[in-house]
Amino acid sequence: MRLIALSFVALLMLIQYPLWLGKGGWLRVWELDRQVAQVKNNNEKLKERNGKLESEVQDLKIGTDAVEERARFELGMIKKNEIFVQILDANSPASTSDARTPPSQVKP
């Protein structure tokens, strides 16, 4: 009787092995589910980024406001007949070469 019980337990363990640890077992399925969730999260971030970029491309194609904004902030350009005023913080270090050069000697 004891031999039959041990053989049933051994068969049960052999049947359970592929279910938990085999190629299509639960542990593998859980790992794949985790990877799928991670990829979906990454895809959502990339879709959001692509939407922002697409919106910016449309602004650059259609309107001149985005082009003007980029020219002002990234390139430091100003319109004709505009006055540019820069207020420096008293605590910030000023560039010594700009501060000592008289305006008549500054090259354009």
Protein backbone atom coordinates (compact mmCIF):
# COMPACT_ATOMS: atom_id res chain seq x y z
CA MET A 1 0.00 0.00 0.00
CA ARG A 2 2.85 2.33 0.85
CA LEU A 3 4.43 1.75 -2.57
CA ILE A 4 1.22 2.73 -4.35
CA ALA A 5 0.94 5.96 -2.33
CA LEU A 6 4.57 6.87 -3.07
CA SER A 7 4.10 6.16 -6.77
CA PHE A 8 0.98 8.40 -6.85
CA VAL A 9 2.90 11.21 -5.15
CA ALA A 10 5.77 10.80 -7.62
CA LEU A 11 3.33 10.88 -10.57
CA LEU A 12 1.64 13.94 -9.13
CA MET A 13 5.00 15.70 -8.85
CA LEU A 14 5.92 14.73 -12.41
CA ILE A 15 2.61 16.12 -13.67
CA GLN A 16 3.08 19.37 -11.68
CA TYR A 17 6.62 20.03 -12.91
CA PRO A 18 5.69 21.14 -16.46
CA LEU A 19 2.77 23.14 -15.08
CA TRP A 20 5.01 25.29 -12.87
CA LEU A 21 8.51 25.11 -14.33
CA GLY A 22 8.08 23.92 -17.92
CA LYS A 23 8.27 25.94 -21.12
CA GLY A 24 4.65 27.10 -20.89
CA GLY A 25 4.40 26.98 -17.10
CA TRP A 26 2.85 29.50 -14.76
CA LEU A 27 6.14 31.06 -13.77
CA ARG A 28 6.98 31.75 -17.42
CA VAL A 29 3.48 33.16 -18.04
CA TRP A 30 3.80 35.52 -15.05
CA GLU A 31 7.18 36.73 -16.31
CA LEU A 32 5.80 37.33 -19.80
CA ASP A 33 2.81 39.22 -18.35
CA ARG A 34 5.21 41.47 -16.45
CA GLN A 35 7.22 42.12 -19.62
CA VAL A 36 4.04 42.91 -21.60
CA ALA A 37 2.94 45.42 -18.95
CA GLN A 38 6.37 47.05 -19.04
CA VAL A 39 6.33 47.34 -22.84
CA LYS A 40 2.79 48.78 -22.79
CA ASN A 41 3.90 51.40 -20.27
CA ASN A 42 6.88 52.30 -22.46
CA ASN A 43 4.62 52.49 -25.54
CA GLU A 44 2.27 54.91 -23.76
CA LYS A 45 5.18 57.20 -22.91
CA LEU A 46 6.40 57.08 -26.51
CA LYS A 47 2.90 57.80 -27.87
CA GLU A 48 2.65 60.83 -25.61
CA ARG A 49 6.06 62.05 -26.80
CA ASN A 50 5.11 61.48 -30.43
CA GLY A 51 1.90 63.45 -29.93
CA LYS A 52 3.83 66.40 -28.55
CA LEU A 53 6.32 66.25 -31.41
CA GLU A 54 3.54 66.00 -33.98
CA SER A 55 1.83 69.03 -32.47
CA GLU A 56 5.07 70.98 -32.61
CA VAL A 57 5.62 69.98 -36.25
CA GLN A 58 2.11 71.16 -37.13
CA ASP A 59 2.76 74.48 -35.37
CA LEU A 60 5.99 74.93 -37.31
CA LYS A 61 4.31 74.06 -40.63
CA ILE A 62 1.18 76.16 -40.22
CA GLY A 63 1.93 79.15 -38.03
CA THR A 64 4.76 81.59 -37.67
CA ASP A 65 4.33 81.99 -33.91
CA ALA A 66 6.28 78.83 -33.12
CA VAL A 67 9.09 79.81 -35.49
CA GLU A 68 9.27 83.28 -33.94
CA GLU A 69 9.30 81.81 -30.42
CA ARG A 70 12.17 79.47 -31.28
CA ALA A 71 14.12 82.28 -32.92
CA ARG A 72 13.70 84.47 -29.84
CA PHE A 73 14.50 81.96 -27.12
CA GLU A 74 16.94 79.58 -28.78
CA LEU A 75 18.78 81.93 -31.11
CA GLY A 76 18.38 85.19 -29.19
CA MET A 77 16.93 87.07 -32.16
CA ILE A 78 14.82 90.21 -31.88
CA LYS A 79 12.55 92.01 -34.35
CA LYS A 80 13.46 95.17 -36.12
CA ASN A 81 12.86 98.29 -34.00
CA GLU A 82 12.60 96.28 -30.78
CA ILE A 83 14.61 97.11 -27.70
CA PHE A 84 16.26 94.27 -25.81
CA VAL A 85 16.62 94.79 -22.07
CA GLN A 86 18.44 92.28 -19.88
CA ILE A 87 18.27 92.60 -16.11
CA LEU A 88 21.05 90.82 -14.27
CA ASP A 89 20.85 89.63 -10.71
CA ALA A 90 23.20 91.55 -8.40
CA ASN A 91 24.49 88.25 -6.96
CA SER A 92 25.21 86.59 -10.29
CA PRO A 93 28.79 86.79 -11.58
CA ALA A 94 29.06 88.96 -14.70
CA SER A 95 31.28 88.01 -17.59
CA THR A 96 34.53 89.99 -17.20
CA SER A 97 35.20 90.28 -20.94
CA ASP A 98 31.77 91.81 -21.65
CA ALA A 99 31.89 94.16 -18.66
CA ARG A 100 35.31 95.61 -19.47
CA THR A 101 34.89 96.07 -23.23
CA PRO A 102 33.52 99.50 -24.15
CA PRO A 103 30.52 99.42 -26.49
CA SER A 104 32.49 101.16 -29.23
CA GLN A 105 34.98 98.28 -29.38
CA VAL A 106 32.46 95.43 -29.50
CA LYS A 107 32.51 93.70 -32.88
CA PRO A 108 29.15 92.75 -34.43
